[in-house]
Amino acid sequence: MGRSFHGVGMLDAQQAFVDQLVDAVARHAVDVVLIAGDVYDRALPGVDVVHLLDDALVRLTSAGAQVVLTSGNHDSAIRLGFASRLLERGGVHLRTRLDSLDQPLVLPVGGASAGAADTAVVAIYGIPWLEPRLVADQLGVQTASHFEVTRAATELIRQDIERRSATATVHSVVLAHTFASGGISSDSERDLSIGGVGAVPQDLFDGFSYTALGHLHGRQSLSPQVRYSGSPLAYSFSEASHQKGAWLIDIDAGGVTAVQEVLWDAPRTLAVLRGPLSELLESPDYSWAETAYCQVTLTDAQRPARAMDQLRARFPDTLVLSFDPEGSPAGTASTYSSRLAEAPDDLAVCCGFLEHVRGRVPDDAEKAALAAALENVRLQEASL
């Protein structure tokens, strides 16, 4: 919550998603909503964003669901976890601290009461985002890596499951905010580690009845028991092909019985367009994109003047524009710096710079403006 889309505010779209979520909870009689981070886009969210989360939690619990929520790498675990013991009384269970790793929300299934002999329960555990360098000592691991701290966290959970299994059949559900190997990433996620070595193996989650993962924005199944719900909204054009949604998990006394998808309506279509400017402006094939958020790559041999203005005349919500000329002259093999060194005068330097950054040579009017500016500089220097 609080993230924008290429400079476009998304708070209204996030509110619309909350509406869909609350409706789905009521329609499917959902008992528990699992949110595996990130909750906010940044550690210090805006006041209006905090109000949106407050409203969402009130509406979800009023619809009959409890909420289990962990912090992600975007969140401030301390701020998000404020008043966690008090909120738990209202059905909102925050799992943002290490000392709550092995403290599950326990719910009876199959009509039995939790704690009685020979009963079945669902134990829901939350693993927040674990920054290895900050938590390694507390978890008792010598190597500060994503693998080691996640392994230590899951081991604590397994020990608690074993203790509880002495008096009940335990079906374990684990939330974790991490990058599990095999997941498909997009441009929207922030790296969880330096050098791309943050992925943890899926087998760390073996033996759990179900693992609900957060971090990657694409909804995906890594195995029948390990899934990402993904982000409810797209936050980059690399997500244009995503179908946003969630997973609805059914659990009874025998364990997980069914997993089905729940889809969210997108607030706007995303269009990734490529081609010459004239084709994009004139072809009826692109009429569907006129109301979409657009990312455009122009392939003209020379960069068109006022390209963004022309595109927005047809596609008002063009947010990203790039150039990838096709069939452009091969030119010389010299580098820009070598051409700069060979420039005969200051005007050639200025014209060469414009050509380098824009992909086309200055026209006569631009050359005249540059020449006049250079002459004014020369006259000013002469008067000193």
Protein backbone atom coordinates (compact mmCIF):
# COMPACT_ATOMS: atom_id res chain seq x y z
CA MET A 1 0.00 0.00 0.00
CA GLY A 2 1.24 3.46 -0.89
CA ARG A 3 3.27 2.48 -3.93
CA SER A 4 2.84 4.43 -7.16
CA PHE A 5 2.97 3.19 -10.74
CA HIS A 6 5.61 5.09 -12.72
CA GLY A 7 4.67 8.28 -10.92
CA VAL A 8 0.91 7.70 -10.95
CA GLY A 9 -0.71 7.53 -7.50
CA MET A 10 -2.41 4.19 -6.83
CA LEU A 11 -4.26 4.83 -3.59
CA ASP A 12 -7.69 4.72 -5.27
CA ALA A 13 -6.78 1.48 -7.01
CA GLN A 14 -5.57 0.03 -3.71
CA GLN A 15 -8.87 1.02 -2.10
CA ALA A 16 -10.71 -0.74 -4.94
CA PHE A 17 -8.65 -3.86 -4.30
CA VAL A 18 -9.59 -3.79 -0.61
CA ASP A 19 -13.23 -3.65 -1.69
CA GLN A 20 -12.73 -6.78 -3.80
CA LEU A 21 -10.90 -8.55 -0.99
CA VAL A 22 -13.59 -7.84 1.58
CA ASP A 23 -16.24 -9.00 -0.89
CA ALA A 24 -14.34 -12.25 -1.53
CA VAL A 25 -13.96 -12.87 2.21
CA ALA A 26 -17.70 -12.49 2.73
CA ARG A 27 -18.68 -14.44 -0.39
CA HIS A 28 -16.46 -17.45 0.40
CA ALA A 29 -16.95 -17.30 4.19
CA VAL A 30 -13.18 -17.02 4.67
CA ASP A 31 -11.97 -17.75 8.21
CA VAL A 32 -8.44 -16.34 7.95
CA VAL A 33 -6.76 -13.90 5.57
CA LEU A 34 -3.01 -14.46 5.19
CA ILE A 35 -0.80 -11.50 4.23
CA ALA A 36 2.84 -12.50 3.77
CA GLY A 37 4.31 -8.93 3.52
CA ASP A 38 4.91 -6.41 2.06
CA VAL A 39 2.13 -4.41 3.66
CA TYR A 40 3.49 -0.94 2.93
CA ASP A 41 5.76 0.30 0.17
CA ARG A 42 8.14 1.96 2.61
CA ALA A 43 9.08 1.95 6.26
CA LEU A 44 7.40 5.33 6.87
CA PRO A 45 4.08 5.22 4.98
CA GLY A 46 1.91 8.30 4.51
CA VAL A 47 -0.99 9.02 6.82
CA ASP A 48 -3.57 8.27 4.12
CA VAL A 49 -1.89 4.91 3.48
CA VAL A 50 -2.02 3.98 7.18
CA HIS A 51 -5.70 4.92 7.22
CA LEU A 52 -6.28 2.59 4.26
CA LEU A 53 -4.74 -0.37 6.11
CA ASP A 54 -6.72 0.50 9.24
CA ASP A 55 -9.93 0.53 7.21
CA ALA A 56 -9.04 -2.75 5.51
CA LEU A 57 -8.39 -4.57 8.79
CA VAL A 58 -11.60 -3.29 10.34
CA ARG A 59 -13.65 -4.39 7.33
CA LEU A 60 -11.98 -7.81 7.07
CA THR A 61 -12.58 -8.64 10.73
CA SER A 62 -16.14 -7.27 10.51
CA ALA A 63 -16.70 -9.68 7.60
CA GLY A 64 -15.89 -12.57 9.95
CA ALA A 65 -12.23 -13.25 9.14
CA GLN A 66 -9.15 -13.17 11.30
CA VAL A 67 -5.98 -11.77 9.76
CA VAL A 68 -2.42 -13.07 10.04
CA LEU A 69 0.04 -10.52 8.76
CA THR A 70 3.84 -10.59 8.50
CA SER A 71 6.27 -7.80 7.64
CA GLY A 72 8.24 -7.71 4.39
CA ASN A 73 11.48 -6.08 3.31
CA HIS A 74 9.63 -2.83 2.48
CA ASP A 75 8.10 -2.59 5.95
CA SER A 76 9.41 -1.40 9.27
CA ALA A 77 8.83 -4.49 11.40
CA ILE A 78 8.87 -2.43 14.61
CA ARG A 79 6.31 0.12 13.42
CA LEU A 80 4.08 -2.43 11.75
CA GLY A 81 4.15 -4.62 14.85
CA PHE A 82 3.07 -1.86 17.22
CA ALA A 83 0.20 -2.86 19.54
CA SER A 84 0.34 -6.46 18.28
CA ARG A 85 -0.90 -7.95 21.58
CA LEU A 86 -3.80 -5.54 21.70
CA LEU A 87 -4.74 -6.10 18.04
CA GLU A 88 -4.73 -9.85 18.59
CA ARG A 89 -7.82 -9.45 20.75
CA GLY A 90 -9.60 -8.06 17.70
CA GLY A 91 -8.54 -10.88 15.40
CA VAL A 92 -5.48 -9.26 13.79
CA HIS A 93 -2.34 -11.33 14.41
CA LEU A 94 0.89 -9.51 13.58
CA ARG A 95 4.01 -11.62 13.15
CA THR A 96 6.88 -9.16 12.84
CA ARG A 97 9.26 -10.24 15.64
CA LEU A 98 11.64 -13.15 16.04
CA ASP A 99 10.13 -14.12 19.37
CA SER A 100 6.79 -14.83 17.66
CA LEU A 101 8.19 -17.27 15.08
CA ASP A 102 6.95 -20.30 17.02
CA GLN A 103 3.76 -18.70 18.32
CA PRO A 104 1.04 -19.75 15.88
CA LEU A 105 -2.59 -18.83 15.57
CA VAL A 106 -4.26 -22.14 16.41
CA LEU A 107 -7.71 -22.89 15.04
CA PRO A 108 -9.78 -26.09 15.45
CA VAL A 109 -10.95 -27.96 12.35
CA GLY A 110 -13.45 -30.71 11.90
CA GLY A 111 -15.74 -29.42 14.63
CA ALA A 112 -13.35 -30.27 17.48
CA SER A 113 -12.18 -27.82 20.11
CA ALA A 114 -8.50 -26.92 20.19
CA GLY A 115 -6.50 -28.59 22.95
CA ALA A 116 -8.63 -31.70 23.37
CA ALA A 117 -7.10 -35.12 22.80
CA ASP A 118 -7.30 -36.60 19.31
CA THR A 119 -8.39 -33.31 17.81
CA ALA A 120 -7.17 -31.67 14.62
CA VAL A 121 -6.02 -28.09 14.52
CA VAL A 122 -4.55 -25.66 12.02
CA ALA A 123 -1.45 -23.89 13.34
CA ILE A 124 -0.61 -20.76 11.35
CA TYR A 125 2.96 -19.46 11.72
CA GLY A 126 4.43 -16.24 10.37
CA ILE A 127 8.03 -15.69 9.31
CA PRO A 128 8.67 -11.98 8.71
CA TRP A 129 11.38 -10.71 6.40
CA LEU A 130 14.67 -11.76 8.01
CA GLU A 131 17.66 -9.52 7.31
CA PRO A 132 20.52 -12.00 7.80
CA ARG A 133 23.05 -9.54 9.21
CA LEU A 134 20.58 -8.34 11.85
CA VAL A 135 19.06 -11.63 13.01
CA ALA A 136 21.82 -14.23 12.60
CA ASP A 137 23.07 -13.90 16.20
CA GLN A 138 19.58 -13.99 17.68
CA LEU A 139 18.77 -17.15 15.72
CA GLY A 140 22.07 -18.74 16.75
CA VAL A 141 23.54 -19.16 13.26
CA GLN A 142 27.17 -18.47 12.43
CA THR A 143 26.75 -17.59 8.74
CA ALA A 144 24.61 -14.52 8.04
CA SER A 145 22.83 -15.79 4.92
CA HIS A 146 19.22 -16.02 3.82
CA PHE A 147 19.45 -19.80 3.78
CA GLU A 148 20.80 -20.12 7.32
CA VAL A 149 18.40 -17.70 9.00
CA THR A 150 15.40 -19.15 7.17
CA ARG A 151 16.47 -22.68 8.08
CA ALA A 152 16.79 -21.64 11.73
CA ALA A 153 13.32 -20.04 11.65
CA THR A 154 11.66 -23.09 10.09
CA GLU A 155 13.43 -25.34 12.61
CA LEU A 156 11.86 -23.40 15.49
CA ILE A 157 8.48 -23.89 13.85
CA ARG A 158 9.06 -27.62 13.38
CA GLN A 159 9.96 -27.96 17.06
CA ASP A 160 6.71 -26.27 18.05
CA ILE A 161 4.71 -28.48 15.67
CA GLU A 162 6.31 -31.55 17.23
CA ARG A 163 5.34 -30.41 20.73
CA ARG A 164 1.75 -29.75 19.71
CA SER A 165 1.50 -33.06 17.83
CA ALA A 166 1.64 -34.90 21.15
CA THR A 167 -1.94 -33.82 21.89
CA ALA A 168 -3.48 -33.07 18.50
CA THR A 169 -3.16 -33.62 14.78
CA VAL A 170 -1.47 -30.44 13.56
CA HIS A 171 -1.92 -29.09 10.04
CA SER A 172 0.72 -26.38 9.68
CA VAL A 173 0.44 -23.26 7.54
CA VAL A 174 3.54 -21.08 7.27
CA LEU A 175 3.77 -17.53 5.93
CA ALA A 176 7.22 -16.41 4.80
CA HIS A 177 8.47 -13.30 3.06
CA THR A 178 11.39 -14.53 0.97
CA PHE A 179 12.62 -15.41 -2.51
CA ALA A 180 12.23 -19.18 -2.86
CA SER A 181 14.17 -20.90 -5.61
CA GLY A 182 12.05 -21.54 -8.67
CA GLY A 183 10.03 -18.34 -8.33
CA ILE A 184 9.70 -16.01 -11.34
CA SER A 185 10.57 -12.42 -10.51
CA SER A 186 9.57 -9.11 -12.12
CA ASP A 187 11.02 -5.60 -12.25
CA SER A 188 8.94 -4.48 -9.26
CA GLU A 189 10.58 -6.38 -6.42
CA ARG A 190 13.50 -4.92 -4.55
CA ASP A 191 16.46 -7.30 -4.28
CA LEU A 192 16.48 -9.16 -1.00
CA SER A 193 20.27 -9.40 -1.00
CA ILE A 194 23.36 -8.02 -2.63
CA GLY A 195 24.56 -10.02 -5.62
CA GLY A 196 21.35 -11.96 -6.13
CA VAL A 197 22.25 -14.74 -3.68
CA GLY A 198 19.18 -14.38 -1.49
CA ALA A 199 17.12 -17.28 -2.85
CA VAL A 200 16.36 -20.07 -0.41
CA PRO A 201 15.63 -23.68 -1.47
CA GLN A 202 12.05 -24.86 -1.46
CA ASP A 203 12.89 -27.90 0.64
CA LEU A 204 13.16 -25.65 3.69
CA PHE A 205 9.34 -25.73 3.63
CA ASP A 206 9.02 -29.52 3.24
CA GLY A 207 6.64 -31.11 5.71
CA PHE A 208 4.39 -28.11 6.18
CA SER A 209 0.79 -28.55 5.09
CA TYR A 210 0.91 -25.29 3.16
CA THR A 211 3.38 -22.41 2.69
CA ALA A 212 2.10 -18.96 1.69
CA LEU A 213 4.98 -16.88 0.32
CA GLY A 214 5.36 -13.13 -0.13
CA HIS A 215 7.85 -10.95 -2.06
CA LEU A 216 7.49 -11.92 -5.73
CA HIS A 217 4.74 -10.01 -7.54
CA GLY A 218 3.58 -12.79 -9.84
CA ARG A 219 0.97 -15.23 -8.53
CA GLN A 220 2.55 -18.67 -8.99
CA SER A 221 2.75 -22.22 -7.70
CA LEU A 222 6.21 -23.58 -6.88
CA SER A 223 4.64 -26.85 -5.77
CA PRO A 224 1.16 -27.97 -4.69
CA GLN A 225 2.06 -26.92 -1.13
CA VAL A 226 4.16 -23.79 -1.84
CA ARG A 227 2.68 -20.75 -3.57
CA TYR A 228 3.05 -17.00 -4.04
CA SER A 229 -0.16 -15.00 -4.13
CA GLY A 230 1.71 -12.10 -5.77
CA SER A 231 0.86 -8.43 -5.54
CA PRO A 232 -2.82 -7.52 -5.94
CA LEU A 233 -1.91 -4.73 -8.39
CA ALA A 234 0.75 -4.39 -11.08
CA TYR A 235 3.62 -2.08 -10.18
CA SER A 236 5.74 -2.33 -13.34
CA PHE A 237 5.17 -3.02 -17.02
CA SER A 238 6.98 -6.34 -16.61
CA GLU A 239 3.75 -7.43 -14.90
CA ALA A 240 1.58 -6.63 -17.93
CA SER A 241 0.90 -10.34 -18.55
CA HIS A 242 0.08 -11.14 -14.91
CA GLN A 243 -3.41 -12.16 -13.89
CA LYS A 244 -3.60 -10.81 -10.35
CA GLY A 245 -5.34 -12.82 -7.69
CA ALA A 246 -5.02 -14.92 -4.55
CA TRP A 247 -5.30 -18.53 -3.44
CA LEU A 248 -8.28 -19.87 -1.50
CA ILE A 249 -7.18 -22.79 0.70
CA ASP A 250 -9.63 -25.31 2.16
CA ILE A 251 -8.44 -27.29 5.21
CA ASP A 252 -10.41 -29.83 7.21
CA ALA A 253 -9.49 -32.42 9.85
CA GLY A 254 -7.63 -34.40 7.21
CA GLY A 255 -5.51 -31.50 5.95
CA VAL A 256 -5.53 -29.40 2.78
CA THR A 257 -8.42 -30.54 0.58
CA ALA A 258 -8.51 -27.91 -2.16
CA VAL A 259 -6.71 -24.85 -3.53
CA GLN A 260 -8.48 -22.55 -5.96
CA GLU A 261 -7.68 -19.19 -7.46
CA VAL A 262 -9.50 -15.97 -6.72
CA LEU A 263 -8.93 -13.27 -9.36
CA TRP A 264 -8.81 -9.49 -8.90
CA ASP A 265 -10.08 -7.05 -11.51
CA ALA A 266 -7.31 -4.75 -12.74
CA PRO A 267 -8.00 -1.01 -12.43
CA ARG A 268 -6.32 -0.30 -15.77
CA THR A 269 -5.00 -2.32 -18.70
CA LEU A 270 -1.23 -2.23 -19.23
CA ALA A 271 0.00 -1.88 -22.80
CA VAL A 272 3.57 -2.57 -23.94
CA LEU A 273 3.83 -1.10 -27.46
CA ARG A 274 6.69 -1.17 -29.94
CA GLY A 275 7.07 0.16 -33.47
CA PRO A 276 7.60 3.26 -35.61
CA LEU A 277 5.80 6.37 -34.38
CA SER A 278 3.65 6.71 -37.50
CA GLU A 279 2.41 3.13 -37.19
CA LEU A 280 1.53 3.51 -33.53
CA LEU A 281 -0.35 6.75 -34.20
CA GLU A 282 -2.26 5.53 -37.25
CA SER A 283 -2.88 1.79 -36.98
CA PRO A 284 -6.33 0.73 -35.69
CA ASP A 285 -4.63 -2.34 -34.19
CA TYR A 286 -3.64 -0.22 -31.19
CA SER A 287 -7.02 1.32 -30.45
CA TRP A 288 -7.40 -0.95 -27.40
CA ALA A 289 -4.42 0.78 -25.79
CA GLU A 290 -5.91 4.28 -25.94
CA THR A 291 -7.31 3.91 -22.41
CA ALA A 292 -4.39 1.90 -21.02
CA TYR A 293 -1.24 2.78 -19.16
CA CYS A 294 1.36 2.56 -21.93
CA GLN A 295 5.03 1.74 -22.20
CA VAL A 296 6.23 2.61 -25.69
CA THR A 297 9.43 1.74 -27.52
CA LEU A 298 9.92 3.65 -30.78
CA THR A 299 11.93 1.94 -33.50
CA ASP A 300 12.31 4.88 -35.91
CA ALA A 301 15.78 5.18 -37.43
CA GLN A 302 15.97 8.75 -36.13
CA ARG A 303 14.37 9.86 -32.91
CA PRO A 304 11.17 11.80 -33.76
CA ALA A 305 10.78 15.31 -32.42
CA ARG A 306 8.15 15.79 -29.69
CA ALA A 307 7.62 12.04 -29.60
CA MET A 308 5.95 11.98 -26.19
CA ASP A 309 3.55 14.81 -27.08
CA GLN A 310 2.53 13.01 -30.26
CA LEU A 311 2.04 9.70 -28.49
CA ARG A 312 -0.05 11.23 -25.74
CA ALA A 313 -2.38 12.74 -28.32
CA ARG A 314 -3.56 9.18 -28.97
CA PHE A 315 -2.41 7.39 -25.81
CA PRO A 316 -2.93 9.95 -23.02
CA ASP A 317 -1.50 7.69 -20.33
CA THR A 318 1.86 6.98 -21.92
CA LEU A 319 4.09 6.70 -18.87
CA VAL A 320 7.35 5.28 -20.25
CA LEU A 321 9.04 6.08 -23.56
CA SER A 322 12.26 4.57 -24.88
CA PHE A 323 14.00 4.32 -28.24
CA ASP A 324 15.46 1.30 -30.02
CA PRO A 325 16.16 2.28 -33.64
CA GLU A 326 15.86 -0.44 -36.26
CA GLY A 327 17.76 -0.17 -39.52
CA SER A 328 19.67 2.91 -38.39
CA PRO A 329 22.99 3.68 -40.13
CA ALA A 330 25.88 1.68 -38.75
CA GLY A 331 27.95 4.84 -38.29
CA THR A 332 31.54 4.71 -37.23
CA ALA A 333 33.05 2.40 -34.66
CA SER A 334 34.50 5.32 -32.70
CA THR A 335 33.25 6.05 -29.22
CA TYR A 336 31.44 9.22 -28.23
CA SER A 337 34.49 10.40 -26.30
CA SER A 338 36.75 9.96 -29.34
CA ARG A 339 34.32 11.86 -31.57
CA LEU A 340 34.18 14.59 -28.95
CA ALA A 341 37.96 14.90 -28.99
CA GLU A 342 37.90 15.32 -32.78
CA ALA A 343 35.19 18.02 -32.80
CA PRO A 344 36.47 21.12 -34.66
CA ASP A 345 34.72 23.75 -32.50
CA ASP A 346 32.33 24.31 -29.61
CA LEU A 347 29.27 24.21 -31.86
CA ALA A 348 30.25 20.75 -33.10
CA VAL A 349 30.66 19.62 -29.48
CA CYS A 350 27.14 20.82 -28.59
CA CYS A 351 25.58 19.32 -31.72
CA GLY A 352 27.40 16.05 -31.13
CA PHE A 353 26.09 15.88 -27.57
CA LEU A 354 22.49 16.40 -28.68
CA GLU A 355 22.87 13.72 -31.31
CA HIS A 356 24.35 11.34 -28.74
CA VAL A 357 21.56 11.70 -26.15
CA ARG A 358 18.60 12.10 -28.55
CA GLY A 359 19.57 9.80 -31.39
CA ARG A 360 19.17 12.48 -34.10
CA VAL A 361 21.14 15.47 -35.31
CA PRO A 362 19.96 18.98 -34.40
CA ASP A 363 17.86 20.74 -37.01
CA ASP A 364 18.72 24.18 -38.42
CA ALA A 365 16.75 26.07 -35.78
CA GLU A 366 18.46 24.19 -32.96
CA LYS A 367 21.87 24.78 -34.49
CA ALA A 368 21.10 28.51 -34.77
CA ALA A 369 20.02 28.65 -31.11
CA LEU A 370 23.18 26.88 -30.00
CA ALA A 371 25.37 29.17 -32.14
CA ALA A 372 23.69 32.28 -30.64
CA ALA A 373 24.17 30.96 -27.09
CA LEU A 374 27.84 30.24 -27.73
CA GLU A 375 28.33 33.68 -29.22
CA ASN A 376 26.75 35.29 -26.14
CA VAL A 377 29.14 33.35 -23.92
CA ARG A 378 32.10 34.46 -26.05
CA LEU A 379 31.04 38.10 -25.85
CA GLN A 380 30.51 37.91 -22.10
CA GLU A 381 33.96 36.42 -21.60
CA ALA A 382 35.48 39.10 -23.81
CA SER A 383 33.96 41.84 -21.66
CA LEU A 384 35.48 40.57 -18.41
